[in-house]
Amino acid sequence: MSKVAVVGGGSFGTVIANITALNGYSVRFWMRSEELAEQINSTHENSLYLPGYRLSDGLVATHNMEAVAASNMVFVAVPSNSFRSVVKQLQTYVASNTILVSTTKGIEAGRFLLMSQVLDEECPGSRIGVLSGPNLAREIAAGHPTGTVIASTDKNVQATVREVLKSEHFRVYTNDDMFGVELGGSLKNIYAIIAGIAQASGLGYNTNSMLVTRSLAEMARFGRKLGADPMTFLGLAGVGDLVVTCSTPLSRNFRIGQMLGHGESIDRAIKDLDQVAEGINTVKLVKDKADELEVYMPLVSGLYKIIYENESISSMTSSLMLSEQMLDVDFETVAEKGLL
């Protein structure tokens, strides 16, 4: 492993590229904006997404996708709505056995595909992994101890990613349940919006705790129906990511929720954020899939009504408080895992 590429010039792509470069690897950092790439190469700083964060001299930014050719590993860190189109460009330049790692927490519309499935379709033969967890880029940049999860069915991919990213402040754990890890990272965006709404509405810590635990129950119930291991949601990529994104305005989805809670329209909130909040699109996709599979998800339904049916925020509270589900723990799932 000598050459690594990171595709996507946002905040998380920036910290992944920099960690890798600081570990001694040659890193090509691709982004759409030629102007931003030139600025990064001249100042060693991504002033648009992570101002003040010094970037390694071993990191070279580029606007030319051809520059990622001959990379042994490529991290793909672009929004889900452009993921496939970017990967189509990428696959022209990477070898068939290249390790491709998605860091995108979203779902592709239409066929309800996760990003690892898109990678598998567009780059057949590649070795695929998913990186997910409670990974706020600004805190990683500040050197705060952070844990993440590399999930893959390929043990060699797990070991290689751990080696490339390991650092004093960034700990990489492994998981075989790639689908569950990736699904957890996508679903938590929905609940972060709900938590932001609750906080802006003046609701307190009791409410946030209730939201987080009931959100986790919905995630596990939905994931189990789709074939994920429910226990995956008890790890960093499940409850870990859920807790952090439901607690801080550093989360884009939480900030969108705050704006909605303060009375802004969804269109205005998206415009004010000026960044992609994956939860806006994900809630519609998950609501439709949950209805299709007959999975009970009152919080998802409540947020869907607020965003797409212009219902009042009180409808979400009603969905939670008047829920038909009274069972605290899904003992059927626990028994299934042999824990009873």
Protein backbone atom coordinates (compact mmCIF):
# COMPACT_ATOMS: atom_id res chain seq x y z
CA MET A 1 0.00 0.00 0.00
CA SER A 2 1.82 3.12 -1.22
CA LYS A 3 -0.64 5.36 -3.06
CA VAL A 4 -3.98 6.40 -1.63
CA ALA A 5 -6.65 8.67 -3.13
CA VAL A 6 -9.52 10.50 -1.46
CA VAL A 7 -12.38 11.54 -3.73
CA GLY A 8 -14.46 14.39 -2.30
CA GLY A 9 -13.24 17.74 -1.00
CA GLY A 10 -15.57 18.20 1.97
CA SER A 11 -14.65 18.27 5.64
CA PHE A 12 -14.57 14.52 6.24
CA GLY A 13 -12.68 13.80 3.03
CA THR A 14 -10.15 16.41 4.14
CA VAL A 15 -9.42 14.81 7.52
CA ILE A 16 -9.20 11.31 6.02
CA ALA A 17 -6.78 12.56 3.36
CA ASN A 18 -4.67 14.34 5.96
CA ILE A 19 -4.52 11.42 8.41
CA THR A 20 -3.40 9.18 5.57
CA ALA A 21 -0.75 11.64 4.38
CA LEU A 22 0.58 12.14 7.92
CA ASN A 23 1.00 8.36 8.12
CA GLY A 24 3.48 8.58 5.25
CA TYR A 25 1.36 7.62 2.26
CA SER A 26 1.30 9.48 -1.04
CA VAL A 27 -2.20 10.99 -1.21
CA ARG A 28 -4.10 12.41 -4.18
CA PHE A 29 -7.10 14.46 -3.01
CA TRP A 30 -9.71 14.94 -5.76
CA MET A 31 -12.38 17.63 -5.69
CA ARG A 32 -14.78 19.25 -8.16
CA SER A 33 -13.45 22.77 -7.73
CA GLU A 34 -10.19 23.47 -9.54
CA GLU A 35 -9.92 26.75 -7.65
CA LEU A 36 -10.16 25.01 -4.27
CA ALA A 37 -7.60 22.39 -5.33
CA GLU A 38 -5.12 25.12 -6.29
CA GLN A 39 -5.76 26.98 -3.03
CA ILE A 40 -5.14 23.82 -0.97
CA ASN A 41 -1.87 23.13 -2.78
CA SER A 42 -0.63 26.68 -2.24
CA THR A 43 -1.76 27.22 1.38
CA HIS A 44 -2.04 23.62 2.71
CA GLU A 45 -5.47 24.45 4.11
CA ASN A 46 -9.05 23.73 3.05
CA SER A 47 -10.35 27.19 3.92
CA LEU A 48 -13.85 26.40 2.66
CA TYR A 49 -14.60 23.39 4.85
CA LEU A 50 -11.91 23.21 7.55
CA PRO A 51 -10.27 26.61 7.99
CA GLY A 52 -7.25 26.64 10.28
CA TYR A 53 -6.51 22.91 9.85
CA ARG A 54 -2.95 22.52 8.55
CA LEU A 55 -2.65 19.90 5.82
CA SER A 56 0.36 17.67 5.27
CA ASP A 57 2.83 18.41 2.49
CA GLY A 58 2.30 14.80 1.38
CA LEU A 59 -1.26 15.62 0.32
CA VAL A 60 -1.72 16.86 -3.26
CA ALA A 61 -5.13 18.23 -4.26
CA THR A 62 -6.34 17.81 -7.82
CA HIS A 63 -9.30 18.55 -10.08
CA ASN A 64 -8.26 15.82 -12.52
CA MET A 65 -9.73 12.38 -11.79
CA GLU A 66 -6.94 10.80 -13.80
CA ALA A 67 -4.60 11.72 -10.94
CA VAL A 68 -6.08 8.92 -8.79
CA ALA A 69 -4.84 6.29 -11.28
CA ALA A 70 -2.49 3.67 -9.82
CA SER A 71 -3.90 4.23 -6.31
CA ASN A 72 -4.05 1.06 -4.24
CA MET A 73 -6.91 2.40 -2.13
CA VAL A 74 -9.58 5.03 -2.80
CA PHE A 75 -11.84 6.61 -0.18
CA VAL A 76 -15.04 7.98 -1.74
CA ALA A 77 -16.45 10.87 0.29
CA VAL A 78 -19.07 12.58 -1.87
CA PRO A 79 -22.82 13.11 -1.23
CA SER A 80 -25.13 10.22 -2.11
CA ASN A 81 -26.92 12.14 -4.87
CA SER A 82 -23.68 12.43 -6.85
CA PHE A 83 -22.03 9.20 -5.68
CA ARG A 84 -22.79 7.07 -8.74
CA SER A 85 -21.80 9.73 -11.26
CA VAL A 86 -18.47 10.32 -9.49
CA VAL A 87 -17.78 6.58 -9.24
CA LYS A 88 -18.46 6.22 -12.97
CA GLN A 89 -15.63 8.71 -13.56
CA LEU A 90 -13.43 6.96 -11.04
CA GLN A 91 -13.79 3.43 -12.38
CA THR A 92 -12.08 4.42 -15.64
CA TYR A 93 -8.81 4.94 -13.78
CA VAL A 94 -8.69 2.31 -11.03
CA ALA A 95 -7.55 -1.29 -11.33
CA SER A 96 -10.11 -4.05 -10.84
CA ASN A 97 -8.64 -5.15 -7.50
CA THR A 98 -8.34 -1.66 -5.98
CA ILE A 99 -9.72 -1.26 -2.45
CA LEU A 100 -12.67 1.15 -2.59
CA VAL A 101 -14.00 2.52 0.70
CA SER A 102 -17.21 4.51 0.95
CA THR A 103 -17.53 7.11 3.70
CA THR A 104 -20.90 8.39 2.44
CA LYS A 105 -23.87 8.08 4.80
CA GLY A 106 -26.81 8.03 2.44
CA ILE A 107 -29.13 5.95 0.27
CA GLU A 108 -29.56 6.12 -3.50
CA ALA A 109 -33.11 6.90 -4.58
CA GLY A 110 -35.05 4.66 -6.91
CA ARG A 111 -33.75 1.24 -5.95
CA PHE A 112 -32.91 1.92 -2.28
CA LEU A 113 -29.23 1.11 -2.73
CA LEU A 114 -26.49 1.79 -0.20
CA MET A 115 -23.19 3.17 -1.48
CA SER A 116 -21.33 -0.14 -1.19
CA GLN A 117 -23.92 -1.63 -3.53
CA VAL A 118 -23.37 1.21 -6.00
CA LEU A 119 -19.62 0.57 -5.83
CA ASP A 120 -20.20 -3.13 -6.49
CA GLU A 121 -22.33 -2.34 -9.56
CA GLU A 122 -20.02 0.27 -11.06
CA CYS A 123 -16.66 -1.32 -10.14
CA PRO A 124 -17.14 -5.10 -10.27
CA GLY A 125 -14.16 -6.98 -8.92
CA SER A 126 -13.05 -4.22 -6.58
CA ARG A 127 -12.55 -4.96 -2.91
CA ILE A 128 -15.12 -2.88 -1.07
CA GLY A 129 -15.38 -1.48 2.44
CA VAL A 130 -17.47 1.04 4.37
CA LEU A 131 -16.14 3.55 6.91
CA SER A 132 -18.68 4.88 9.41
CA GLY A 133 -19.00 6.05 13.00
CA PRO A 134 -19.33 9.12 15.25
CA ASN A 135 -16.84 11.11 13.19
CA LEU A 136 -17.36 14.88 13.36
CA ALA A 137 -14.65 16.24 11.08
CA ARG A 138 -13.93 19.35 13.13
CA GLU A 139 -13.26 17.30 16.25
CA ILE A 140 -11.02 14.90 14.36
CA ALA A 141 -9.13 17.92 13.02
CA ALA A 142 -8.78 19.23 16.59
CA GLY A 143 -7.14 15.98 17.67
CA HIS A 144 -9.97 14.73 19.88
CA PRO A 145 -9.85 10.94 20.41
CA THR A 146 -12.22 9.41 17.87
CA GLY A 147 -13.34 5.89 16.96
CA THR A 148 -14.58 4.70 13.59
CA VAL A 149 -15.55 1.37 12.01
CA ILE A 150 -14.27 -0.23 8.83
CA ALA A 151 -16.78 -2.84 7.69
CA SER A 152 -16.11 -5.33 4.92
CA THR A 153 -16.63 -8.97 4.12
CA ASP A 154 -12.93 -9.01 3.17
CA LYS A 155 -10.64 -9.34 6.20
CA ASN A 156 -7.71 -8.01 4.18
CA VAL A 157 -9.65 -4.82 3.45
CA GLN A 158 -10.36 -4.39 7.16
CA ALA A 159 -6.71 -4.86 8.10
CA THR A 160 -5.39 -2.60 5.35
CA VAL A 161 -7.72 0.29 6.15
CA ARG A 162 -6.82 0.01 9.83
CA GLU A 163 -3.14 0.23 8.92
CA VAL A 164 -3.61 3.24 6.64
CA LEU A 165 -5.72 5.26 9.09
CA LYS A 166 -4.40 4.32 12.51
CA SER A 167 -3.07 7.29 14.46
CA GLU A 168 -2.63 8.54 17.99
CA HIS A 169 -6.11 10.10 18.04
CA PHE A 170 -8.02 8.06 15.44
CA ARG A 171 -8.89 4.46 16.40
CA VAL A 172 -10.25 2.09 13.74
CA TYR A 173 -12.42 -0.89 14.74
CA THR A 174 -13.61 -3.67 12.41
CA ASN A 175 -16.97 -5.25 11.61
CA ASP A 176 -18.05 -7.93 9.13
CA ASP A 177 -21.61 -6.56 8.79
CA MET A 178 -21.00 -4.03 6.02
CA PHE A 179 -24.71 -3.58 5.30
CA GLY A 180 -25.62 -2.94 8.95
CA VAL A 181 -22.78 -0.47 9.50
CA GLU A 182 -23.69 1.44 6.36
CA LEU A 183 -27.40 1.42 7.11
CA GLY A 184 -26.78 2.75 10.63
CA GLY A 185 -24.81 5.67 9.25
CA SER A 186 -27.64 6.53 6.88
CA LEU A 187 -30.56 6.15 9.28
CA LYS A 188 -29.08 8.25 12.08
CA ASN A 189 -29.33 11.37 9.86
CA ILE A 190 -33.12 11.16 10.11
CA TYR A 191 -33.10 11.11 13.89
CA ALA A 192 -30.54 13.92 14.11
CA ILE A 193 -33.07 16.18 12.37
CA ILE A 194 -35.73 15.15 14.87
CA ALA A 195 -33.38 15.83 17.79
CA GLY A 196 -32.60 19.27 16.36
CA ILE A 197 -36.31 20.06 16.13
CA ALA A 198 -36.84 18.94 19.73
CA GLN A 199 -33.95 21.06 21.01
CA ALA A 200 -35.13 24.17 19.17
CA SER A 201 -38.65 23.58 20.48
CA GLY A 202 -37.38 23.91 24.05
CA LEU A 203 -37.55 20.23 24.94
CA GLY A 204 -34.91 18.98 27.34
CA TYR A 205 -32.56 16.12 28.10
CA ASN A 206 -35.33 13.69 29.03
CA THR A 207 -36.83 14.12 25.59
CA ASN A 208 -33.48 13.76 23.84
CA SER A 209 -32.75 10.56 25.75
CA MET A 210 -36.15 9.17 24.82
CA LEU A 211 -35.65 10.13 21.17
CA VAL A 212 -32.24 8.49 20.98
CA THR A 213 -33.35 5.20 22.53
CA ARG A 214 -36.56 4.96 20.50
CA SER A 215 -34.60 5.90 17.37
CA LEU A 216 -32.22 3.05 18.07
CA ALA A 217 -35.15 0.67 18.39
CA GLU A 218 -36.49 1.80 15.00
CA MET A 219 -33.06 1.45 13.39
CA ALA A 220 -32.61 -2.10 14.68
CA ARG A 221 -36.14 -3.12 13.71
CA PHE A 222 -35.75 -1.75 10.19
CA GLY A 223 -32.23 -3.11 9.76
CA ARG A 224 -33.23 -6.57 10.91
CA LYS A 225 -36.03 -6.64 8.33
CA LEU A 226 -33.53 -5.80 5.60
CA GLY A 227 -31.05 -8.47 6.69
CA ALA A 228 -28.60 -6.50 8.86
CA ASP A 229 -27.39 -7.85 12.19
CA PRO A 230 -29.38 -5.96 14.88
CA MET A 231 -26.39 -6.07 17.21
CA THR A 232 -24.43 -3.88 14.79
CA PHE A 233 -26.62 -0.97 15.86
CA LEU A 234 -25.24 -1.25 19.39
CA GLY A 235 -21.76 -0.33 18.15
CA LEU A 236 -19.98 2.85 17.06
CA ALA A 237 -21.70 2.97 13.68
CA GLY A 238 -25.10 2.61 15.33
CA VAL A 239 -25.71 4.05 18.78
CA GLY A 240 -22.32 5.81 18.77
CA ASP A 241 -23.06 7.80 15.64
CA LEU A 242 -26.67 8.31 16.71
CA VAL A 243 -25.76 9.84 20.07
CA VAL A 244 -23.28 12.35 18.69
CA THR A 245 -25.42 13.54 15.76
CA CYS A 246 -28.45 13.93 18.01
CA SER A 247 -26.51 16.11 20.42
CA THR A 248 -24.57 18.79 18.58
CA PRO A 249 -24.99 21.55 15.99
CA LEU A 250 -21.72 20.32 14.45
CA SER A 251 -24.05 17.83 12.75
CA ARG A 252 -25.58 19.30 9.58
CA ASN A 253 -28.75 17.28 10.06
CA PHE A 254 -29.12 18.48 13.65
CA ARG A 255 -28.78 22.08 12.42
CA ILE A 256 -31.48 21.52 9.81
CA GLY A 257 -33.73 20.28 12.60
CA GLN A 258 -32.98 23.35 14.69
CA MET A 259 -33.99 25.61 11.81
CA LEU A 260 -37.24 23.70 11.35
CA GLY A 261 -37.87 23.90 15.09
CA HIS A 262 -37.44 27.68 14.94
CA GLY A 263 -40.12 27.90 12.28
CA GLU A 264 -38.11 28.02 9.06
CA SER A 265 -39.47 26.23 6.00
CA ILE A 266 -37.54 23.22 4.77
CA ASP A 267 -36.51 25.05 1.58
CA ARG A 268 -35.19 28.00 3.57
CA ALA A 269 -33.35 25.74 6.00
CA ILE A 270 -31.60 23.90 3.16
CA LYS A 271 -30.61 27.21 1.56
CA ASP A 272 -29.28 28.61 4.84
CA LEU A 273 -27.26 25.47 5.57
CA ASP A 274 -25.63 25.56 2.11
CA GLN A 275 -24.35 22.01 2.61
CA VAL A 276 -25.83 18.57 2.00
CA ALA A 277 -27.95 17.20 4.86
CA GLU A 278 -28.50 13.57 3.85
CA GLY A 279 -31.41 13.08 6.25
CA ILE A 280 -33.78 15.21 4.15
CA ASN A 281 -33.79 12.72 1.28
CA THR A 282 -33.22 9.65 3.43
CA VAL A 283 -36.42 10.11 5.45
CA LYS A 284 -38.57 9.86 2.33
CA LEU A 285 -36.74 6.78 1.06
CA VAL A 286 -36.93 5.05 4.44
CA LYS A 287 -40.59 5.97 4.95
CA ASP A 288 -41.49 4.42 1.58
CA LYS A 289 -39.42 1.31 2.24
CA ALA A 290 -40.81 0.90 5.78
CA ASP A 291 -44.35 1.11 4.42
CA GLU A 292 -43.49 -1.47 1.77
CA LEU A 293 -42.01 -3.85 4.35
CA GLU A 294 -44.61 -3.02 7.02
CA VAL A 295 -41.99 -1.94 9.55
CA TYR A 296 -43.34 0.23 12.36
CA MET A 297 -41.34 3.51 12.45
CA PRO A 298 -43.39 6.29 14.11
CA LEU A 299 -40.50 8.78 14.32
CA VAL A 300 -39.70 8.43 10.63
CA SER A 301 -43.39 8.85 9.82
CA GLY A 302 -43.63 11.94 12.03
CA LEU A 303 -40.65 13.67 10.40
CA TYR A 304 -41.91 12.75 6.95
CA LYS A 305 -45.19 14.48 7.68
CA ILE A 306 -43.40 17.65 8.83
CA ILE A 307 -41.12 17.87 5.80
CA TYR A 308 -43.31 16.56 2.98
CA GLU A 309 -46.89 17.06 4.17
CA ASN A 310 -46.47 20.39 5.98
CA GLU A 311 -47.85 19.07 9.25
CA SER A 312 -47.03 20.84 12.50
CA ILE A 313 -44.13 19.80 14.67
CA SER A 314 -46.61 18.63 17.29
CA SER A 315 -47.49 15.75 14.93
CA MET A 316 -44.04 14.28 15.53
CA THR A 317 -44.51 14.45 19.29
CA SER A 318 -47.86 12.74 18.89
CA SER A 319 -46.28 10.01 16.78
CA LEU A 320 -43.90 9.29 19.64
CA MET A 321 -46.16 9.77 22.66
CA LEU A 322 -49.22 8.05 21.19
CA SER A 323 -47.20 5.21 19.71
CA GLU A 324 -48.84 1.80 19.74
CA GLN A 325 -45.49 0.20 20.58
CA MET A 326 -45.19 -0.12 24.35
CA LEU A 327 -42.36 -2.68 24.55
CA ASP A 328 -39.10 -1.10 25.76
CA VAL A 329 -36.75 -3.82 24.48
CA ASP A 330 -37.35 -6.08 21.49
CA PHE A 331 -36.82 -9.35 23.34
CA GLU A 332 -37.49 -11.33 20.18
CA THR A 333 -34.36 -9.84 18.63
CA VAL A 334 -32.36 -10.41 21.82
CA ALA A 335 -33.45 -14.03 22.00
CA GLU A 336 -32.60 -14.47 18.32
CA LYS A 337 -29.00 -13.52 19.13
CA GLY A 338 -28.81 -16.13 21.87
CA LEU A 339 -28.62 -13.61 24.71
CA LEU A 340 -31.60 -14.95 26.66
